[in-house]
Amino acid sequence: MTRFSAHRARLVPTLLCPLLLLPAACTDDADPAPAPPPGPAVGTAGSTTAREPVDHAAPTEPPEEDALELAVNEPREDSVYPAVGDPGVDALHYDLSLDWDPATRVLDGREQVLLRATEDDDTLQLDLSPALTVRSVSVDGDKVDFRHAGKDLYLRQEVVADERYEVVVSYTGTPRPAAAPTTRSDFSTTGWTTTDDGWTWTMQEPYGAYTWYAVNDHPSDKALYDVTVSVPSPWTGVSNGELVSREERDGRTVTRWHLAEPAAAYLMTLATGDYVSVEATSDSGVPVTWWVPRDQERLGSGARTMAHELAWLEERLGPYPYDTAGAVLVESVSGMETQTMITLGISDYTLSPAVIVHELAHHWYGDQVTPADWRDVWMNEGMAMYLQILWQVERDGADLEAALDGYAVREAEERAAAGPPGDYDPATFGESNIYYGPALMWHELRERMAARPGGEDAFWALVRDWPAAQDNGTADREEYLAWIEEETGLELSAFFDGWLTGATTPPR
């Protein structure tokens, strides 16, 4: 995730500009609160609560068992935002079939979710916005009763721990974004956004995927995805991973997307509009595709920039962890590191090489290994910010230590305002404290290690090895910090406590 800045001369963005293009009054379901326990079902087996669905494409073939094993997780209840996600569900594969009508602003969806129950229960629970009406739900081919209370969708189904179930949800409605738990001014809502002309895009950190499909909306639950999108031609629907097919059908463009490695829900993207694609290839052979509005095709030159910056990162982080890379450009002033297909707002800052470096770095720190709890979002942003700073200093020929001294002053201000990066105020998600402090911390650790023989190389080996060691997994700070101490042979408890949870910024 990045942020918009009006101060082009500064290395790190600090002054945020208003998010101009989001709808104004769409926050009624946004600050999730626990729903009441399941009561009598709103929908009953065999009933239809809304008009019949459109003729969706046939579901894709389910992934092979080896692929599904990559998506087995141990979901947890979040310590910061406990009302979103359910640790009783381990989603393995989502097959989404989505039909968007920009004229009526109606989304028709049908999804198949293959999930594993993590405990014995008589109910399954997913997150789904109340703006969407559920038509029917089935489990393993049998329609079941359900209750849609607030953002929680309860299914009446006896489940056994470690058993797998195929849930099919059919729904319709006009999606609305959810309010973001932040005071940042470059985004105030998360999830699905519809522009004035019917184009759509999604950004959903720390939650908000539930505004457009039924999901276990928590980073500890990574799943495989196949996404089919139908929109009026010549528009195109863009999602994550590989574009498997694109065809014209009855005046509509239908695209199929396949994400071969598991992703957390917040890393999924969907955008619809009149897009064209521009392609490039990195030095290591990674195909890079940018999807840009047809009337701004010149912006597709960013594909070559991304290919170049990808090579810079691979020198420091190792091979890019996915088969494809790219970006979809949307009407936002922010950006999100959505897995393999970065969602970038159209502004000078968000389309700059520095932001591309930052968002690409997240594919190792955030995507390949994902925080298991939102209290540890610093694990994503600190390293991405540090790499962005290093890239900018190297490009500009600036003095790194002088630059970091300046950040230390600002970090103290941010820590005082929003709390320490590892114990931030839940109402200030994504503020600068989770960027600057951890970036400084990594530099201080690098300095400590550099004082020992071979320490500089050992530091970068540490940076490369962590995401590779946790490939396709999730981790919390206890696992991460214990791993660092074991790899370095250093006792770092006080060091990490000071930087991550201390009330004041440690001295440099």
Protein backbone atom coordinates (compact mmCIF):
# COMPACT_ATOMS: atom_id res chain seq x y z
CA MET A 1 0.00 0.00 0.00
CA THR A 2 1.25 3.46 -0.81
CA ARG A 3 0.11 6.97 -0.13
CA PHE A 4 -0.18 10.12 -2.19
CA SER A 5 2.12 13.10 -1.67
CA ALA A 6 2.13 16.65 -2.90
CA HIS A 7 5.81 17.01 -1.93
CA ARG A 8 7.58 15.56 -4.94
CA ALA A 9 11.03 16.52 -3.65
CA ARG A 10 10.75 14.45 -0.49
CA LEU A 11 11.86 10.86 -0.53
CA VAL A 12 8.91 9.55 1.47
CA PRO A 13 5.33 10.78 1.06
CA THR A 14 3.99 12.56 4.11
CA LEU A 15 1.25 15.07 3.26
CA LEU A 16 -1.84 13.30 2.02
CA CYS A 17 -4.29 14.73 -0.48
CA PRO A 18 -8.04 14.10 -0.35
CA LEU A 19 -9.40 11.03 -2.10
CA LEU A 20 -11.60 12.83 -4.60
CA LEU A 21 -13.33 10.10 -6.53
CA LEU A 22 -15.00 7.85 -3.99
CA PRO A 23 -18.74 8.10 -3.42
CA ALA A 24 -19.58 10.27 -0.46
CA ALA A 25 -22.37 8.48 1.39
CA CYS A 26 -21.52 4.78 1.47
CA THR A 27 -20.28 3.92 4.92
CA ASP A 28 -23.24 2.32 6.62
CA ASP A 29 -21.75 -1.17 6.78
CA ALA A 30 -18.22 -0.09 7.31
CA ASP A 31 -17.23 -0.25 10.95
CA PRO A 32 -17.94 -3.92 11.48
CA ALA A 33 -19.55 -4.90 14.74
CA PRO A 34 -20.25 -8.46 15.80
CA ALA A 35 -23.60 -9.63 14.50
CA PRO A 36 -26.08 -11.39 16.76
CA PRO A 37 -25.85 -15.17 16.93
CA PRO A 38 -27.69 -17.06 14.18
CA GLY A 39 -31.43 -17.03 14.50
CA PRO A 40 -34.17 -18.15 12.13
CA ALA A 41 -32.86 -18.16 8.60
CA VAL A 42 -33.73 -15.28 6.30
CA GLY A 43 -33.32 -17.54 3.28
CA THR A 44 -34.55 -21.12 3.33
CA ALA A 45 -33.51 -24.13 1.34
CA GLY A 46 -35.17 -24.01 -2.07
CA SER A 47 -36.23 -20.34 -1.79
CA THR A 48 -35.27 -17.48 -4.07
CA THR A 49 -34.95 -14.03 -2.51
CA ALA A 50 -34.21 -12.01 -5.66
CA ARG A 51 -34.38 -12.24 -9.45
CA GLU A 52 -32.77 -15.20 -11.16
CA PRO A 53 -29.07 -14.89 -11.99
CA VAL A 54 -27.66 -14.17 -15.40
CA ASP A 55 -26.19 -17.02 -17.43
CA HIS A 56 -22.77 -17.23 -15.84
CA ALA A 57 -19.91 -19.12 -17.37
CA ALA A 58 -19.39 -22.71 -16.25
CA PRO A 59 -17.24 -23.06 -13.15
CA THR A 60 -13.57 -23.80 -13.70
CA GLU A 61 -12.09 -27.15 -12.83
CA PRO A 62 -11.08 -27.30 -9.17
CA PRO A 63 -7.34 -27.15 -8.44
CA GLU A 64 -5.32 -30.31 -8.04
CA GLU A 65 -4.81 -31.59 -4.51
CA ASP A 66 -1.16 -30.49 -4.42
CA ALA A 67 -2.21 -26.94 -5.27
CA LEU A 68 -4.93 -26.97 -2.64
CA GLU A 69 -2.40 -27.95 0.01
CA LEU A 70 -0.70 -24.59 -0.59
CA ALA A 71 -3.89 -22.91 0.61
CA VAL A 72 -4.28 -24.80 3.89
CA ASN A 73 -3.95 -22.28 6.74
CA GLU A 74 -4.72 -21.91 10.41
CA PRO A 75 -6.97 -18.81 10.38
CA ARG A 76 -7.25 -16.74 13.52
CA GLU A 77 -9.37 -13.99 15.01
CA ASP A 78 -7.73 -10.65 14.44
CA SER A 79 -6.42 -8.81 17.48
CA VAL A 80 -7.08 -5.38 15.93
CA TYR A 81 -10.25 -5.93 13.86
CA PRO A 82 -11.89 -9.03 15.40
CA ALA A 83 -15.30 -8.43 13.80
CA VAL A 84 -14.03 -9.35 10.31
CA GLY A 85 -13.18 -12.92 9.34
CA ASP A 86 -13.95 -16.19 11.11
CA PRO A 87 -11.25 -18.60 12.36
CA GLY A 88 -13.70 -21.48 11.92
CA VAL A 89 -13.27 -21.29 8.13
CA ASP A 90 -10.16 -22.06 6.09
CA ALA A 91 -10.99 -21.14 2.49
CA LEU A 92 -8.96 -23.10 -0.05
CA HIS A 93 -10.33 -21.98 -3.43
CA TYR A 94 -12.72 -19.30 -4.65
CA ASP A 95 -14.27 -19.61 -8.11
CA LEU A 96 -15.97 -16.26 -8.74
CA SER A 97 -18.29 -15.58 -11.68
CA LEU A 98 -19.14 -11.87 -11.76
CA ASP A 99 -21.42 -9.99 -14.16
CA TRP A 100 -21.33 -6.17 -13.92
CA ASP A 101 -23.91 -3.89 -15.53
CA PRO A 102 -22.59 -0.29 -15.43
CA ALA A 103 -25.94 1.12 -16.60
CA THR A 104 -27.95 -0.29 -13.70
CA ARG A 105 -24.99 -0.49 -11.26
CA VAL A 106 -25.95 -4.11 -10.51
CA LEU A 107 -23.46 -6.88 -9.81
CA ASP A 108 -24.68 -10.46 -10.28
CA GLY A 109 -22.40 -12.99 -8.66
CA ARG A 110 -22.13 -16.71 -8.32
CA GLU A 111 -19.26 -18.23 -6.41
CA GLN A 112 -18.05 -21.65 -5.43
CA VAL A 113 -15.95 -21.74 -2.29
CA LEU A 114 -14.06 -24.89 -1.36
CA LEU A 115 -13.31 -24.59 2.35
CA ARG A 116 -12.06 -26.59 5.29
CA ALA A 117 -13.83 -26.40 8.62
CA THR A 118 -11.33 -25.87 11.43
CA GLU A 119 -13.69 -27.04 14.20
CA ASP A 120 -16.90 -28.95 14.74
CA ASP A 121 -19.89 -26.62 14.45
CA ASP A 122 -23.49 -26.38 13.27
CA THR A 123 -22.88 -23.14 11.33
CA LEU A 124 -20.51 -21.79 8.70
CA GLN A 125 -19.85 -18.05 8.56
CA LEU A 126 -18.57 -15.81 5.77
CA ASP A 127 -18.35 -12.05 5.36
CA LEU A 128 -20.72 -10.42 2.83
CA SER A 129 -21.94 -6.85 2.59
CA PRO A 130 -25.60 -6.16 3.43
CA ALA A 131 -25.75 -4.17 0.18
CA LEU A 132 -25.80 -7.52 -1.63
CA THR A 133 -28.88 -9.76 -1.60
CA VAL A 134 -28.29 -13.48 -1.33
CA ARG A 135 -30.49 -15.51 -3.68
CA SER A 136 -29.49 -18.99 -2.59
CA VAL A 137 -26.82 -20.99 -0.82
CA SER A 138 -25.91 -24.64 -1.18
CA VAL A 139 -23.37 -26.86 0.55
CA ASP A 140 -22.12 -29.95 -1.29
CA GLY A 141 -24.97 -29.60 -3.77
CA ASP A 142 -27.82 -29.28 -1.25
CA LYS A 143 -29.54 -25.97 -0.63
CA VAL A 144 -29.28 -24.82 2.97
CA ASP A 145 -30.92 -22.23 5.17
CA PHE A 146 -28.97 -19.05 5.73
CA ARG A 147 -29.12 -15.82 7.68
CA HIS A 148 -27.59 -12.59 6.39
CA ALA A 149 -27.18 -10.30 9.41
CA GLY A 150 -25.21 -7.10 8.78
CA LYS A 151 -21.98 -8.13 7.09
CA ASP A 152 -22.18 -11.72 8.34
CA LEU A 153 -23.60 -14.58 6.28
CA TYR A 154 -24.48 -17.60 8.43
CA LEU A 155 -25.12 -20.99 6.81
CA ARG A 156 -27.04 -23.70 8.63
CA GLN A 157 -24.68 -26.62 8.14
CA GLU A 158 -23.20 -29.26 10.42
CA VAL A 159 -19.45 -29.34 9.85
CA VAL A 160 -16.64 -31.49 11.19
CA ALA A 161 -13.12 -30.26 11.87
CA ASP A 162 -10.71 -30.79 8.97
CA GLU A 163 -13.49 -31.88 6.58
CA ARG A 164 -13.91 -29.98 3.30
CA TYR A 165 -17.14 -28.48 1.97
CA GLU A 166 -18.14 -26.85 -1.31
CA VAL A 167 -20.28 -23.78 -0.71
CA VAL A 168 -22.10 -22.10 -3.61
CA VAL A 169 -23.48 -18.59 -3.05
CA SER A 170 -25.62 -16.75 -5.60
CA TYR A 171 -26.19 -13.03 -4.98
CA THR A 172 -27.05 -9.70 -6.58
CA GLY A 173 -27.04 -6.01 -5.75
CA THR A 174 -25.31 -2.67 -6.00
CA PRO A 175 -22.00 -2.91 -4.14
CA ARG A 176 -21.00 -0.13 -1.78
CA PRO A 177 -17.59 0.42 -0.23
CA ALA A 178 -16.99 0.16 3.51
CA ALA A 179 -15.52 2.86 5.71
CA ALA A 180 -11.80 2.51 6.35
CA PRO A 181 -10.53 2.62 9.96
CA THR A 182 -8.09 5.42 9.24
CA THR A 183 -7.57 9.16 9.35
CA ARG A 184 -5.52 9.10 6.14
CA SER A 185 -6.94 11.41 3.51
CA ASP A 186 -5.89 9.44 0.44
CA PHE A 187 -8.50 6.80 1.22
CA SER A 188 -11.56 6.85 3.43
CA THR A 189 -13.36 3.74 2.20
CA THR A 190 -12.31 0.25 1.22
CA GLY A 191 -13.61 -2.48 -1.06
CA TRP A 192 -15.69 -1.88 -4.18
CA THR A 193 -15.82 1.62 -5.70
CA THR A 194 -17.99 2.69 -8.64
CA THR A 195 -17.08 5.86 -10.52
CA ASP A 196 -19.56 8.31 -12.01
CA ASP A 197 -19.32 6.63 -15.42
CA GLY A 198 -19.77 3.11 -14.08
CA TRP A 199 -16.14 1.99 -14.04
CA THR A 200 -15.24 -0.01 -10.95
CA TRP A 201 -12.17 -0.84 -8.89
CA THR A 202 -11.33 -2.40 -5.56
CA MET A 203 -8.80 -1.77 -2.78
CA GLN A 204 -9.46 -3.54 0.51
CA GLU A 205 -6.81 -3.18 3.16
CA PRO A 206 -7.37 -4.06 5.98
CA TYR A 207 -10.78 -5.45 4.89
CA GLY A 208 -13.50 -4.83 2.33
CA ALA A 209 -13.35 -7.79 -0.04
CA TYR A 210 -16.72 -8.67 1.48
CA THR A 211 -18.23 -5.68 -0.35
CA TRP A 212 -18.23 -7.72 -3.60
CA TYR A 213 -18.14 -11.43 -2.73
CA ALA A 214 -18.70 -13.79 0.20
CA VAL A 215 -15.29 -14.33 1.78
CA ASN A 216 -13.35 -15.10 4.92
CA ASP A 217 -11.92 -11.58 4.90
CA HIS A 218 -8.76 -12.01 6.96
CA PRO A 219 -5.06 -12.13 5.99
CA SER A 220 -4.45 -15.39 7.90
CA ASP A 221 -6.66 -17.22 5.37
CA LYS A 222 -4.98 -17.35 1.95
CA ALA A 223 -6.77 -19.11 -0.92
CA LEU A 224 -6.47 -19.90 -4.60
CA TYR A 225 -8.68 -17.95 -7.03
CA ASP A 226 -10.30 -18.29 -10.43
CA VAL A 227 -12.25 -15.20 -11.49
CA THR A 228 -14.56 -14.83 -14.49
CA VAL A 229 -15.76 -11.30 -15.28
CA SER A 230 -18.47 -10.30 -17.78
CA VAL A 231 -18.89 -6.64 -18.82
CA PRO A 232 -20.38 -4.83 -21.84
CA SER A 233 -17.99 -4.74 -24.82
CA PRO A 234 -15.59 -3.08 -25.46
CA TRP A 235 -15.00 -2.92 -21.71
CA THR A 236 -12.79 -5.48 -20.01
CA GLY A 237 -12.76 -6.97 -16.52
CA VAL A 238 -9.30 -7.21 -14.94
CA SER A 239 -8.36 -9.38 -11.97
CA ASN A 240 -5.30 -11.12 -10.49
CA GLY A 241 -2.90 -13.61 -12.02
CA GLU A 242 -2.86 -14.98 -15.55
CA LEU A 243 -5.43 -13.99 -18.17
CA VAL A 244 -6.57 -17.46 -19.25
CA SER A 245 -9.10 -16.43 -21.90
CA ARG A 246 -10.95 -13.47 -23.34
CA GLU A 247 -13.98 -13.80 -25.60
CA GLU A 248 -16.92 -11.81 -26.92
CA ARG A 249 -20.30 -13.27 -26.02
CA ASP A 250 -23.65 -11.61 -26.84
CA GLY A 251 -22.23 -8.08 -26.78
CA ARG A 252 -20.21 -8.69 -23.64
CA THR A 253 -16.52 -9.31 -23.00
CA VAL A 254 -15.83 -12.30 -20.75
CA THR A 255 -12.38 -12.67 -19.21
CA ARG A 256 -11.11 -15.55 -17.10
CA TRP A 257 -8.27 -15.06 -14.63
CA HIS A 258 -6.29 -17.71 -12.74
CA LEU A 259 -4.21 -17.07 -9.63
CA ALA A 260 -1.89 -20.05 -9.26
CA GLU A 261 -0.64 -19.31 -5.74
CA PRO A 262 -2.76 -18.46 -2.70
CA ALA A 263 -3.60 -14.87 -1.80
CA ALA A 264 -5.18 -13.16 1.18
CA ALA A 265 -8.52 -11.52 0.38
CA TYR A 266 -7.12 -8.01 0.78
CA LEU A 267 -4.68 -8.74 -2.05
CA MET A 268 -7.40 -9.50 -4.60
CA THR A 269 -8.34 -6.94 -7.21
CA LEU A 270 -11.16 -6.37 -9.67
CA ALA A 271 -11.48 -3.48 -12.09
CA THR A 272 -13.87 -2.93 -14.99
CA GLY A 273 -13.80 -0.32 -17.71
CA ASP A 274 -12.64 0.41 -21.24
CA TYR A 275 -9.12 -0.95 -20.80
CA VAL A 276 -6.33 -1.82 -23.22
CA SER A 277 -3.18 -3.74 -22.30
CA VAL A 278 0.49 -2.91 -22.80
CA GLU A 279 3.13 -5.60 -22.32
CA ALA A 280 6.81 -5.79 -21.40
CA THR A 281 9.19 -8.46 -20.08
CA SER A 282 11.65 -8.23 -17.19
CA ASP A 283 15.29 -9.22 -17.58
CA SER A 284 14.48 -12.44 -15.74
CA GLY A 285 11.67 -13.27 -18.15
CA VAL A 286 8.64 -12.25 -16.06
CA PRO A 287 5.79 -11.02 -18.31
CA VAL A 288 4.60 -7.58 -17.20
CA THR A 289 1.20 -6.26 -18.34
CA TRP A 290 -0.33 -2.87 -17.65
CA TRP A 291 -4.06 -2.34 -18.13
CA VAL A 292 -4.71 1.32 -18.85
CA PRO A 293 -7.79 3.33 -19.93
CA ARG A 294 -8.06 3.33 -23.73
CA ASP A 295 -7.88 7.13 -23.90
CA GLN A 296 -4.67 7.15 -21.80
CA GLU A 297 -2.75 4.38 -23.54
CA ARG A 298 0.49 6.36 -23.22
CA LEU A 299 0.48 5.45 -19.51
CA GLY A 300 1.23 1.90 -20.58
CA SER A 301 4.90 2.89 -20.74
CA GLY A 302 4.83 2.10 -17.04
CA ALA A 303 5.06 -1.59 -17.98
CA ARG A 304 8.65 -1.04 -19.08
CA THR A 305 9.37 0.92 -15.91
CA MET A 306 7.97 -1.92 -13.81
CA ALA A 307 10.09 -4.47 -15.67
CA HIS A 308 13.19 -2.38 -14.95
CA GLU A 309 12.42 -1.86 -11.26
CA LEU A 310 11.60 -5.55 -10.89
CA ALA A 311 15.18 -6.34 -11.88
CA TRP A 312 16.49 -3.94 -9.19
CA LEU A 313 14.42 -5.71 -6.55
CA GLU A 314 15.36 -9.20 -7.70
CA GLU A 315 19.03 -8.31 -7.10
CA ARG A 316 18.18 -7.74 -3.43
CA LEU A 317 15.25 -10.04 -2.74
CA GLY A 318 15.82 -12.97 -5.08
CA PRO A 319 13.62 -14.19 -7.93
CA TYR A 320 10.18 -12.65 -8.26
CA PRO A 321 7.86 -15.13 -6.49
CA TYR A 322 5.09 -15.23 -9.12
CA ASP A 323 4.67 -16.09 -12.80
CA THR A 324 3.22 -12.74 -13.86
CA ALA A 325 3.35 -9.10 -12.84
CA GLY A 326 1.35 -6.07 -13.84
CA ALA A 327 -0.83 -3.17 -12.89
CA VAL A 328 -4.35 -1.95 -13.49
CA LEU A 329 -4.79 1.84 -13.45
CA VAL A 330 -7.83 3.25 -11.67
CA GLU A 331 -9.34 6.58 -10.66
CA SER A 332 -7.77 6.79 -7.22
CA VAL A 333 -4.92 8.76 -5.66
CA SER A 334 -3.70 5.76 -3.72
CA GLY A 335 -2.27 2.39 -4.67
CA MET A 336 -2.42 -1.22 -3.46
CA GLU A 337 0.06 -4.06 -3.89
CA THR A 338 -2.70 -6.46 -5.00
CA GLN A 339 -1.02 -9.78 -5.74
CA THR A 340 0.54 -9.97 -9.23
CA MET A 341 -1.76 -7.19 -10.51
CA ILE A 342 -1.02 -3.98 -8.62
CA THR A 343 -3.93 -1.53 -8.38
CA LEU A 344 -2.55 1.96 -9.04
CA GLY A 345 -4.33 5.28 -8.89
CA ILE A 346 -3.72 7.64 -11.79
CA SER A 347 -1.53 10.41 -10.37
CA ASP A 348 2.03 11.54 -10.90
CA TYR A 349 3.09 10.11 -7.56
CA THR A 350 1.36 6.73 -7.65
CA LEU A 351 2.66 6.07 -11.17
CA SER A 352 6.23 7.06 -10.26
CA PRO A 353 9.10 4.51 -10.26
CA ALA A 354 9.46 4.93 -6.48
CA VAL A 355 5.91 3.74 -5.88
CA ILE A 356 6.36 0.89 -8.35
CA VAL A 357 9.41 -0.24 -6.35
CA HIS A 358 7.39 -0.02 -3.11
CA GLU A 359 4.41 -1.97 -4.39
CA LEU A 360 6.52 -4.60 -6.11
CA ALA A 361 8.52 -5.10 -2.90
CA HIS A 362 5.27 -6.15 -1.25
CA HIS A 363 5.14 -9.20 -3.47
CA TRP A 364 7.86 -10.62 -1.25
CA TYR A 365 6.88 -8.81 1.97
CA GLY A 366 3.10 -9.01 2.24
CA ASP A 367 2.15 -11.37 -0.58
CA GLN A 368 4.63 -14.26 -0.56
CA VAL A 369 4.59 -14.11 3.24
CA THR A 370 1.55 -12.40 4.75
CA PRO A 371 0.98 -11.13 8.30
CA ALA A 372 -1.33 -13.47 10.19
CA ASP A 373 -2.76 -10.53 12.15
CA TRP A 374 -3.24 -6.85 11.29
CA ARG A 375 -1.17 -5.75 14.30
CA ASP A 376 1.81 -6.84 12.20
CA VAL A 377 1.14 -4.80 9.06
CA TRP A 378 4.53 -3.19 9.83
CA MET A 379 6.07 -6.44 8.53
CA ASN A 380 4.82 -5.43 5.09
CA GLU A 381 5.32 -1.70 5.10
CA GLY A 382 8.63 -1.36 6.91
CA MET A 383 10.65 -3.40 4.44
CA ALA A 384 8.85 -2.00 1.39
CA MET A 385 9.52 1.52 2.68
CA TYR A 386 13.18 0.77 3.40
CA LEU A 387 13.69 -0.58 -0.11
CA GLN A 388 11.92 2.43 -1.58
CA ILE A 389 14.21 4.75 0.38
CA LEU A 390 17.32 2.86 -0.73
CA TRP A 391 16.18 2.99 -4.36
CA GLN A 392 15.51 6.73 -4.19
CA VAL A 393 18.80 7.53 -2.48
CA GLU A 394 20.68 5.43 -5.04
CA ARG A 395 18.87 7.08 -7.94
CA ASP A 396 19.35 10.62 -6.64
CA GLY A 397 22.89 10.20 -5.30
CA ALA A 398 21.67 11.40 -1.89
CA ASP A 399 23.24 10.75 1.51
CA LEU A 400 21.39 7.85 3.13
CA GLU A 401 22.27 8.66 6.74
CA ALA A 402 21.23 12.29 6.38
CA ALA A 403 17.95 11.21 4.82
CA LEU A 404 17.27 8.72 7.61
CA ASP A 405 18.01 11.36 10.26
CA GLY A 406 15.20 13.41 8.76
CA TYR A 407 12.85 10.45 8.81
CA ALA A 408 13.66 9.83 12.46
CA VAL A 409 12.34 13.27 13.38
CA ARG A 410 9.13 12.70 11.48
CA GLU A 411 8.81 9.15 12.80
CA ALA A 412 8.73 10.50 16.35
CA GLU A 413 5.84 12.78 15.41
CA GLU A 414 3.93 9.93 13.75
CA ARG A 415 4.54 7.59 16.71
CA ALA A 416 3.18 10.19 19.10
CA ALA A 417 0.08 10.71 16.94
CA ALA A 418 -0.87 7.13 15.99
CA GLY A 419 1.04 4.95 18.43
CA PRO A 420 4.05 2.69 17.90
CA PRO A 421 4.06 0.66 14.67
CA GLY A 422 3.47 -2.65 16.44
CA ASP A 423 0.71 -1.34 18.71
CA TYR A 424 -1.06 1.36 16.72
CA ASP A 425 -4.44 2.91 17.40
CA PRO A 426 -7.01 0.75 15.50
CA ALA A 427 -8.65 3.93 14.19
CA THR A 428 -5.39 4.96 12.46
CA PHE A 429 -4.73 2.05 10.14
CA GLY A 430 -2.00 2.65 7.57
CA GLU A 431 -0.63 5.86 9.06
CA SER A 432 3.02 6.78 8.57
CA ASN A 433 4.08 5.17 11.86
CA ILE A 434 3.98 1.68 10.30
CA TYR A 435 6.23 2.85 7.46
CA TYR A 436 8.97 5.05 8.91
CA GLY A 437 9.70 3.33 12.23
CA PRO A 438 10.18 -0.20 10.87
CA ALA A 439 12.22 1.16 7.92
CA LEU A 440 14.57 2.82 10.40
CA MET A 441 14.62 -0.36 12.48
CA TRP A 442 15.81 -2.43 9.52
CA HIS A 443 18.60 0.05 8.85
CA GLU A 444 19.70 -0.06 12.48
CA LEU A 445 19.78 -3.87 12.35
CA ARG A 446 21.79 -3.68 9.13
CA GLU A 447 24.29 -1.39 10.88
CA ARG A 448 24.60 -3.80 13.81
CA MET A 449 25.19 -6.73 11.50
CA ALA A 450 27.62 -4.79 9.26
CA ALA A 451 29.91 -4.30 12.27
CA ARG A 452 30.61 -8.05 12.20
CA PRO A 453 32.66 -9.88 9.52
CA GLY A 454 30.44 -10.59 6.53
CA GLY A 455 27.59 -8.75 8.22
CA GLU A 456 26.42 -6.72 5.22
CA ASP A 457 26.03 -9.84 3.11
CA ALA A 458 24.41 -11.62 6.05
CA PHE A 459 21.83 -8.84 6.37
CA TRP A 460 20.75 -9.12 2.75
CA ALA A 461 20.70 -12.90 2.99
CA LEU A 462 18.32 -12.44 5.92
CA VAL A 463 16.11 -10.14 3.86
CA ARG A 464 16.00 -12.64 0.97
CA ASP A 465 15.59 -15.78 3.01
CA TRP A 466 12.58 -14.83 5.14
CA PRO A 467 9.89 -14.67 2.42
CA ALA A 468 11.38 -17.70 0.67
CA ALA A 469 11.29 -19.67 3.93
CA GLN A 470 7.61 -18.75 4.40
CA ASP A 471 6.58 -19.15 0.76
CA ASN A 472 2.79 -18.91 0.37
CA GLY A 473 2.41 -18.75 4.14
CA THR A 474 1.46 -16.40 6.93
CA ALA A 475 3.39 -15.47 10.07
CA ASP A 476 3.17 -13.24 13.12
CA ARG A 477 5.86 -11.17 14.80
CA GLU A 478 6.75 -13.86 17.33
CA GLU A 479 7.63 -16.28 14.52
CA TYR A 480 9.41 -13.60 12.51
CA LEU A 481 11.51 -12.13 15.29
CA ALA A 482 12.46 -15.53 16.69
CA TRP A 483 13.59 -16.53 13.21
CA ILE A 484 15.75 -13.39 12.92
CA GLU A 485 17.41 -14.05 16.29
CA GLU A 486 18.13 -17.64 15.31
CA GLU A 487 19.57 -16.64 11.95
CA THR A 488 21.73 -13.82 13.31
CA GLY A 489 22.72 -15.32 16.65
CA LEU A 490 21.84 -11.97 18.25
CA GLU A 491 19.63 -11.37 21.28
CA LEU A 492 17.31 -8.65 19.98
CA SER A 493 14.31 -8.60 22.32
CA ALA A 494 14.94 -5.13 23.70
CA PHE A 495 15.88 -3.83 20.24
CA PHE A 496 12.62 -4.99 18.66
CA ASP A 497 10.50 -3.97 21.67
CA GLY A 498 11.85 -0.44 21.48
CA TRP A 499 11.23 -0.01 17.79
CA LEU A 500 7.88 -1.79 17.56
CA THR A 501 6.08 -1.05 20.81
CA GLY A 502 8.03 1.70 22.55
CA ALA A 503 6.27 4.97 23.33
CA THR A 504 9.18 6.99 21.92
CA THR A 505 11.46 6.53 18.93
CA PRO A 506 14.74 4.80 19.86
CA PRO A 507 17.85 6.90 19.24
CA ARG A 508 19.84 6.33 16.07
